[in-house]
Amino acid sequence: GGKWAGKRVIVTAGPTREHLDPVRVLTNLSSGRMGYALAEAAHARGADVVRVTGPTERPPPDGVATQRVETTADLQRAVQTLTKGAHALFMAAAPADYRPKTAAKTKRPRGEGSLTLELEPTPDILASLQRPKGCVVIGFALETGDGLARARQKLQDKALDFVVLNDALEPGAGFEVTTNRVTVLSKGGRQVDLPLLPKR
């Protein structure tokens, strides 16, 4: 039972990795805690939840189906497939924004000296999402400093229903902590500022 019974919810979590070579990657500090907390909360409300997660050491929440991905392109494909028929998508993952234009097939020895990388943008998952009718899409905006204007722009540019803003530099918020302080913006213009709280 629960007020979300019969609802299908997709939650993304964690980082993605973009390979420089078979052993080195570009990634970020995301632990996946925010996405895991959202998946647990949606499941507790009775939803049928699928959690799509990048590489993380966190154990899967009880009762939540899990699909693992590695790269941002992997995440894009999983989200596009799983969102068909979904009632809500919580895009809490922190996909890598850039990848090497060319990945080496073998490990490059350090003794070969300096290395210059040419990077290209990874796919913009929310901008390219073919959203099913009736699916509520919630994006996340991790910024540094005053990110309110950027979060509002993201809300508009990506046609989101809501965006959740937090500051990566604020103590107790952002990556690798159990708490978060967020501002929730809606497409209708509402703004809700929440205090520092556990991520769940």
C-alpha atoms as a PDB file:
ATOM      1  CA  GLY A   1       0.000   0.000   0.000  1.00  0.00           C
ATOM      2  CA  GLY A   2       0.895   3.669   0.216  1.00  0.00           C
ATOM      3  CA  LYS A   3      -0.102   6.825  -1.621  1.00  0.00           C
ATOM      4  CA  TRP A   4       2.260   5.996  -4.516  1.00  0.00           C
ATOM      5  CA  ALA A   5       0.945   2.453  -4.950  1.00  0.00           C
ATOM      6  CA  GLY A   6       0.617   1.610  -8.656  1.00  0.00           C
ATOM      7  CA  LYS A   7       3.104   4.296  -9.667  1.00  0.00           C
ATOM      8  CA  ARG A   8       6.302   3.449 -11.549  1.00  0.00           C
ATOM      9  CA  VAL A   9       9.240   5.612 -10.475  1.00  0.00           C
ATOM     10  CA  ILE A  10      12.725   5.753 -11.980  1.00  0.00           C
ATOM     11  CA  VAL A  11      15.554   7.137  -9.835  1.00  0.00           C
ATOM     12  CA  THR A  12      19.100   7.667 -11.082  1.00  0.00           C
ATOM     13  CA  ALA A  13      22.016   7.742  -8.645  1.00  0.00           C
ATOM     14  CA  GLY A  14      25.773   7.991  -8.398  1.00  0.00           C
ATOM     15  CA  PRO A  15      28.477   9.079 -10.835  1.00  0.00           C
ATOM     16  CA  THR A  16      29.367   7.855 -14.292  1.00  0.00           C
ATOM     17  CA  ARG A  17      32.863   7.046 -15.555  1.00  0.00           C
ATOM     18  CA  GLU A  18      34.437   7.948 -18.882  1.00  0.00           C
ATOM     19  CA  HIS A  19      37.512   5.888 -19.728  1.00  0.00           C
ATOM     20  CA  LEU A  20      40.843   7.467 -20.692  1.00  0.00           C
ATOM     21  CA  ASP A  21      42.266   3.972 -21.182  1.00  0.00           C
ATOM     22  CA  PRO A  22      41.453   0.501 -19.773  1.00  0.00           C
ATOM     23  CA  VAL A  23      42.402   1.517 -16.196  1.00  0.00           C
ATOM     24  CA  ARG A  24      41.965   5.317 -15.914  1.00  0.00           C
ATOM     25  CA  VAL A  25      38.687   7.248 -15.865  1.00  0.00           C
ATOM     26  CA  LEU A  26      37.169  10.730 -15.635  1.00  0.00           C
ATOM     27  CA  THR A  27      34.485  10.846 -12.936  1.00  0.00           C
ATOM     28  CA  ASN A  28      33.279  12.927  -9.977  1.00  0.00           C
ATOM     29  CA  LEU A  29      32.792  12.640  -6.207  1.00  0.00           C
ATOM     30  CA  SER A  30      29.147  11.529  -6.204  1.00  0.00           C
ATOM     31  CA  SER A  31      28.446   8.777  -3.638  1.00  0.00           C
ATOM     32  CA  GLY A  32      24.913   8.031  -4.858  1.00  0.00           C
ATOM     33  CA  ARG A  33      23.413   8.753  -1.408  1.00  0.00           C
ATOM     34  CA  MET A  34      20.804  11.236  -2.668  1.00  0.00           C
ATOM     35  CA  GLY A  35      19.477   8.889  -5.333  1.00  0.00           C
ATOM     36  CA  TYR A  36      19.462   5.939  -2.940  1.00  0.00           C
ATOM     37  CA  ALA A  37      17.506   7.977  -0.368  1.00  0.00           C
ATOM     38  CA  LEU A  38      14.965   8.991  -3.025  1.00  0.00           C
ATOM     39  CA  ALA A  39      14.567   5.372  -4.159  1.00  0.00           C
ATOM     40  CA  GLU A  40      14.000   4.211  -0.567  1.00  0.00           C
ATOM     41  CA  ALA A  41      11.465   6.985   0.072  1.00  0.00           C
ATOM     42  CA  ALA A  42       9.518   6.255  -3.125  1.00  0.00           C
ATOM     43  CA  HIS A  43       9.469   2.527  -2.317  1.00  0.00           C
ATOM     44  CA  ALA A  44       8.255   3.272   1.218  1.00  0.00           C
ATOM     45  CA  ARG A  45       5.334   5.193  -0.329  1.00  0.00           C
ATOM     46  CA  GLY A  46       4.329   2.115  -2.312  1.00  0.00           C
ATOM     47  CA  ALA A  47       5.862   2.894  -5.717  1.00  0.00           C
ATOM     48  CA  ASP A  48       7.370   0.327  -8.055  1.00  0.00           C
ATOM     49  CA  VAL A  49      10.925   1.721  -8.154  1.00  0.00           C
ATOM     50  CA  VAL A  50      13.831   1.116 -10.509  1.00  0.00           C
ATOM     51  CA  ARG A  51      17.144   2.610  -9.429  1.00  0.00           C
ATOM     52  CA  VAL A  52      19.670   3.209 -12.209  1.00  0.00           C
ATOM     53  CA  THR A  53      23.089   3.608 -10.641  1.00  0.00           C
ATOM     54  CA  GLY A  54      26.578   4.407 -11.751  1.00  0.00           C
ATOM     55  CA  PRO A  55      29.591   2.874  -9.982  1.00  0.00           C
ATOM     56  CA  THR A  56      29.078   3.103  -6.211  1.00  0.00           C
ATOM     57  CA  GLU A  57      29.793   0.919  -3.206  1.00  0.00           C
ATOM     58  CA  ARG A  58      26.408   1.500  -1.585  1.00  0.00           C
ATOM     59  CA  PRO A  59      24.249  -1.640  -1.160  1.00  0.00           C
ATOM     60  CA  PRO A  60      20.953  -1.641  -3.087  1.00  0.00           C
ATOM     61  CA  PRO A  61      17.878  -0.586  -1.078  1.00  0.00           C
ATOM     62  CA  ASP A  62      15.563  -3.459  -0.121  1.00  0.00           C
ATOM     63  CA  GLY A  63      12.667  -3.950  -2.537  1.00  0.00           C
ATOM     64  CA  VAL A  64      14.119  -1.675  -5.218  1.00  0.00           C
ATOM     65  CA  ALA A  65      15.107  -3.048  -8.625  1.00  0.00           C
ATOM     66  CA  THR A  66      18.576  -1.997  -9.713  1.00  0.00           C
ATOM     67  CA  GLN A  67      20.205  -1.460 -13.099  1.00  0.00           C
ATOM     68  CA  ARG A  68      23.912  -0.652 -13.131  1.00  0.00           C
ATOM     69  CA  VAL A  69      25.572   1.579 -15.722  1.00  0.00           C
ATOM     70  CA  GLU A  70      29.112   2.807 -16.331  1.00  0.00           C
ATOM     71  CA  THR A  71      29.206   5.738 -18.770  1.00  0.00           C
ATOM     72  CA  THR A  72      26.948   8.721 -19.370  1.00  0.00           C
ATOM     73  CA  ALA A  73      25.872   7.184 -22.687  1.00  0.00           C
ATOM     74  CA  ASP A  74      24.926   3.979 -20.812  1.00  0.00           C
ATOM     75  CA  LEU A  75      22.860   6.060 -18.390  1.00  0.00           C
ATOM     76  CA  GLN A  76      21.162   7.909 -21.254  1.00  0.00           C
ATOM     77  CA  ARG A  77      20.105   4.635 -22.909  1.00  0.00           C
ATOM     78  CA  ALA A  78      18.830   3.172 -19.631  1.00  0.00           C
ATOM     79  CA  VAL A  79      16.815   6.280 -18.742  1.00  0.00           C
ATOM     80  CA  GLN A  80      15.232   6.521 -22.187  1.00  0.00           C
ATOM     81  CA  THR A  81      14.196   2.859 -22.086  1.00  0.00           C
ATOM     82  CA  LEU A  82      13.032   2.685 -18.471  1.00  0.00           C
ATOM     83  CA  THR A  83      11.098   5.975 -18.514  1.00  0.00           C
ATOM     84  CA  LYS A  84       8.603   4.541 -21.008  1.00  0.00           C
ATOM     85  CA  GLY A  85       5.444   4.036 -18.967  1.00  0.00           C
ATOM     86  CA  ALA A  86       6.922   5.701 -15.867  1.00  0.00           C
ATOM     87  CA  HIS A  87       4.990   8.187 -13.737  1.00  0.00           C
ATOM     88  CA  ALA A  88       8.097   9.985 -12.449  1.00  0.00           C
ATOM     89  CA  LEU A  89      11.828  10.310 -13.122  1.00  0.00           C
ATOM     90  CA  PHE A  90      14.149  11.604 -10.405  1.00  0.00           C
ATOM     91  CA  MET A  91      17.406  12.444 -12.199  1.00  0.00           C
ATOM     92  CA  ALA A  92      19.656  12.532  -9.124  1.00  0.00           C
ATOM     93  CA  ALA A  93      22.710  10.943 -10.778  1.00  0.00           C
ATOM     94  CA  ALA A  94      25.812  13.029 -11.415  1.00  0.00           C
ATOM     95  CA  PRO A  95      26.846  12.028 -14.928  1.00  0.00           C
ATOM     96  CA  ALA A  96      30.294  13.049 -16.132  1.00  0.00           C
ATOM     97  CA  ASP A  97      29.907  16.105 -18.365  1.00  0.00           C
ATOM     98  CA  TYR A  98      32.975  15.372 -20.506  1.00  0.00           C
ATOM     99  CA  ARG A  99      34.705  12.323 -21.986  1.00  0.00           C
ATOM    100  CA  PRO A 100      37.962  11.883 -23.889  1.00  0.00           C
ATOM    101  CA  LYS A 101      37.481  12.395 -27.603  1.00  0.00           C
ATOM    102  CA  THR A 102      39.622   9.296 -28.091  1.00  0.00           C
ATOM    103  CA  ALA A 103      40.186   6.601 -25.453  1.00  0.00           C
ATOM    104  CA  ALA A 104      43.453   4.664 -25.561  1.00  0.00           C
ATOM    105  CA  LYS A 105      43.230   0.899 -26.016  1.00  0.00           C
ATOM    106  CA  THR A 106      46.229   0.260 -23.741  1.00  0.00           C
ATOM    107  CA  LYS A 107      47.542   1.871 -20.559  1.00  0.00           C
ATOM    108  CA  ARG A 108      49.971   4.693 -21.347  1.00  0.00           C
ATOM    109  CA  PRO A 109      53.108   4.481 -19.171  1.00  0.00           C
ATOM    110  CA  ARG A 110      53.873   7.508 -17.004  1.00  0.00           C
ATOM    111  CA  GLY A 111      57.449   7.422 -18.298  1.00  0.00           C
ATOM    112  CA  GLU A 112      56.240   8.692 -21.677  1.00  0.00           C
ATOM    113  CA  GLY A 113      55.914  12.167 -20.128  1.00  0.00           C
ATOM    114  CA  SER A 114      53.205  14.821 -20.304  1.00  0.00           C
ATOM    115  CA  LEU A 115      49.782  14.010 -21.675  1.00  0.00           C
ATOM    116  CA  THR A 116      47.279  16.402 -23.247  1.00  0.00           C
ATOM    117  CA  LEU A 117      43.645  15.298 -23.323  1.00  0.00           C
ATOM    118  CA  GLU A 118      41.057  16.498 -25.804  1.00  0.00           C
ATOM    119  CA  LEU A 119      37.611  16.278 -24.214  1.00  0.00           C
ATOM    120  CA  GLU A 120      34.134  16.426 -25.716  1.00  0.00           C
ATOM    121  CA  PRO A 121      30.750  16.876 -24.006  1.00  0.00           C
ATOM    122  CA  THR A 122      28.839  13.755 -23.047  1.00  0.00           C
ATOM    123  CA  PRO A 123      25.137  13.419 -24.006  1.00  0.00           C
ATOM    124  CA  ASP A 124      22.730  15.760 -22.195  1.00  0.00           C
ATOM    125  CA  ILE A 125      20.306  13.158 -20.866  1.00  0.00           C
ATOM    126  CA  LEU A 126      17.436  15.407 -19.806  1.00  0.00           C
ATOM    127  CA  ALA A 127      17.640  17.652 -22.873  1.00  0.00           C
ATOM    128  CA  SER A 128      17.396  14.641 -25.189  1.00  0.00           C
ATOM    129  CA  LEU A 129      14.797  12.684 -23.182  1.00  0.00           C
ATOM    130  CA  GLN A 130      11.707  11.626 -25.095  1.00  0.00           C
ATOM    131  CA  ARG A 131       9.374  11.976 -22.173  1.00  0.00           C
ATOM    132  CA  PRO A 132       6.226   9.846 -21.975  1.00  0.00           C
ATOM    133  CA  LYS A 133       2.981  11.756 -21.533  1.00  0.00           C
ATOM    134  CA  GLY A 134       2.154  12.229 -17.866  1.00  0.00           C
ATOM    135  CA  CYS A 135       5.680  11.540 -16.579  1.00  0.00           C
ATOM    136  CA  VAL A 136       6.866  14.066 -13.980  1.00  0.00           C
ATOM    137  CA  VAL A 137      10.568  14.852 -14.450  1.00  0.00           C
ATOM    138  CA  ILE A 138      12.687  16.171 -11.589  1.00  0.00           C
ATOM    139  CA  GLY A 139      16.194  17.394 -12.387  1.00  0.00           C
ATOM    140  CA  PHE A 140      19.022  18.198  -9.992  1.00  0.00           C
ATOM    141  CA  ALA A 141      21.412  21.145 -10.217  1.00  0.00           C
ATOM    142  CA  LEU A 142      24.636  20.880  -8.228  1.00  0.00           C
ATOM    143  CA  GLU A 143      26.274  24.292  -8.430  1.00  0.00           C
ATOM    144  CA  THR A 144      29.007  26.288  -6.728  1.00  0.00           C
ATOM    145  CA  GLY A 145      28.152  29.737  -5.405  1.00  0.00           C
ATOM    146  CA  ASP A 146      24.940  31.449  -6.523  1.00  0.00           C
ATOM    147  CA  GLY A 147      23.325  28.777  -8.684  1.00  0.00           C
ATOM    148  CA  LEU A 148      19.717  30.003  -8.525  1.00  0.00           C
ATOM    149  CA  ALA A 149      19.791  31.622 -11.973  1.00  0.00           C
ATOM    150  CA  ARG A 150      21.433  28.533 -13.510  1.00  0.00           C
ATOM    151  CA  ALA A 151      18.880  26.235 -11.861  1.00  0.00           C
ATOM    152  CA  ARG A 152      16.002  28.352 -13.210  1.00  0.00           C
ATOM    153  CA  GLN A 153      17.568  28.232 -16.680  1.00  0.00           C
ATOM    154  CA  LYS A 154      17.923  24.452 -16.443  1.00  0.00           C
ATOM    155  CA  LEU A 155      14.273  24.164 -15.415  1.00  0.00           C
ATOM    156  CA  GLN A 156      13.258  26.075 -18.539  1.00  0.00           C
ATOM    157  CA  ASP A 157      15.785  24.749 -21.081  1.00  0.00           C
ATOM    158  CA  LYS A 158      15.154  21.088 -20.241  1.00  0.00           C
ATOM    159  CA  ALA A 159      11.377  21.439 -19.790  1.00  0.00           C
ATOM    160  CA  LEU A 160      11.502  20.054 -16.245  1.00  0.00           C
ATOM    161  CA  ASP A 161       8.611  19.941 -13.805  1.00  0.00           C
ATOM    162  CA  PHE A 162      10.934  20.571 -10.859  1.00  0.00           C
ATOM    163  CA  VAL A 163      14.619  21.199 -10.282  1.00  0.00           C
ATOM    164  CA  VAL A 164      16.440  20.606  -6.988  1.00  0.00           C
ATOM    165  CA  LEU A 165      19.354  22.974  -6.393  1.00  0.00           C
ATOM    166  CA  ASN A 166      22.203  22.508  -3.951  1.00  0.00           C
ATOM    167  CA  ASP A 167      25.671  23.979  -3.457  1.00  0.00           C
ATOM    168  CA  ALA A 168      28.653  21.620  -3.734  1.00  0.00           C
ATOM    169  CA  LEU A 169      30.776  23.904  -1.532  1.00  0.00           C
ATOM    170  CA  GLU A 170      28.344  24.254   1.374  1.00  0.00           C
ATOM    171  CA  PRO A 171      29.347  22.253   4.475  1.00  0.00           C
ATOM    172  CA  GLY A 172      26.943  19.350   5.010  1.00  0.00           C
ATOM    173  CA  ALA A 173      25.524  19.516   1.468  1.00  0.00           C
ATOM    174  CA  GLY A 174      26.481  18.052  -1.881  1.00  0.00           C
ATOM    175  CA  PHE A 175      28.714  15.024  -2.355  1.00  0.00           C
ATOM    176  CA  GLU A 176      29.895  12.402   0.149  1.00  0.00           C
ATOM    177  CA  VAL A 177      27.769  13.537   3.103  1.00  0.00           C
ATOM    178  CA  THR A 178      24.551  12.159   4.609  1.00  0.00           C
ATOM    179  CA  THR A 179      22.764  15.532   4.706  1.00  0.00           C
ATOM    180  CA  ASN A 180      21.767  18.142   2.152  1.00  0.00           C
ATOM    181  CA  ARG A 181      20.382  21.666   1.952  1.00  0.00           C
ATOM    182  CA  VAL A 182      18.278  22.191  -1.159  1.00  0.00           C
ATOM    183  CA  THR A 183      16.036  24.658  -2.922  1.00  0.00           C
ATOM    184  CA  VAL A 184      13.202  23.155  -4.967  1.00  0.00           C
ATOM    185  CA  LEU A 185      11.946  25.148  -7.954  1.00  0.00           C
ATOM    186  CA  SER A 186       8.793  24.279  -9.903  1.00  0.00           C
ATOM    187  CA  LYS A 187       7.860  25.125 -13.491  1.00  0.00           C
ATOM    188  CA  GLY A 188       4.926  27.040 -12.028  1.00  0.00           C
ATOM    189  CA  GLY A 189       7.346  29.477 -10.358  1.00  0.00           C
ATOM    190  CA  ARG A 190       7.181  28.169  -6.804  1.00  0.00           C
ATOM    191  CA  GLN A 191      10.375  28.102  -4.726  1.00  0.00           C
ATOM    192  CA  VAL A 192      10.791  26.072  -1.518  1.00  0.00           C
ATOM    193  CA  ASP A 193      13.985  26.457   0.528  1.00  0.00           C
ATOM    194  CA  LEU A 194      14.605  23.495   2.807  1.00  0.00           C
ATOM    195  CA  PRO A 195      16.991  23.591   5.796  1.00  0.00           C
ATOM    196  CA  LEU A 196      19.902  21.180   6.286  1.00  0.00           C
ATOM    197  CA  LEU A 197      18.277  17.739   6.550  1.00  0.00           C
ATOM    198  CA  PRO A 198      19.174  14.063   6.164  1.00  0.00           C
ATOM    199  CA  LYS A 199      19.030  13.159   2.463  1.00  0.00           C
ATOM    200  CA  ARG A 200      16.155  10.698   3.024  1.00  0.00           C
END
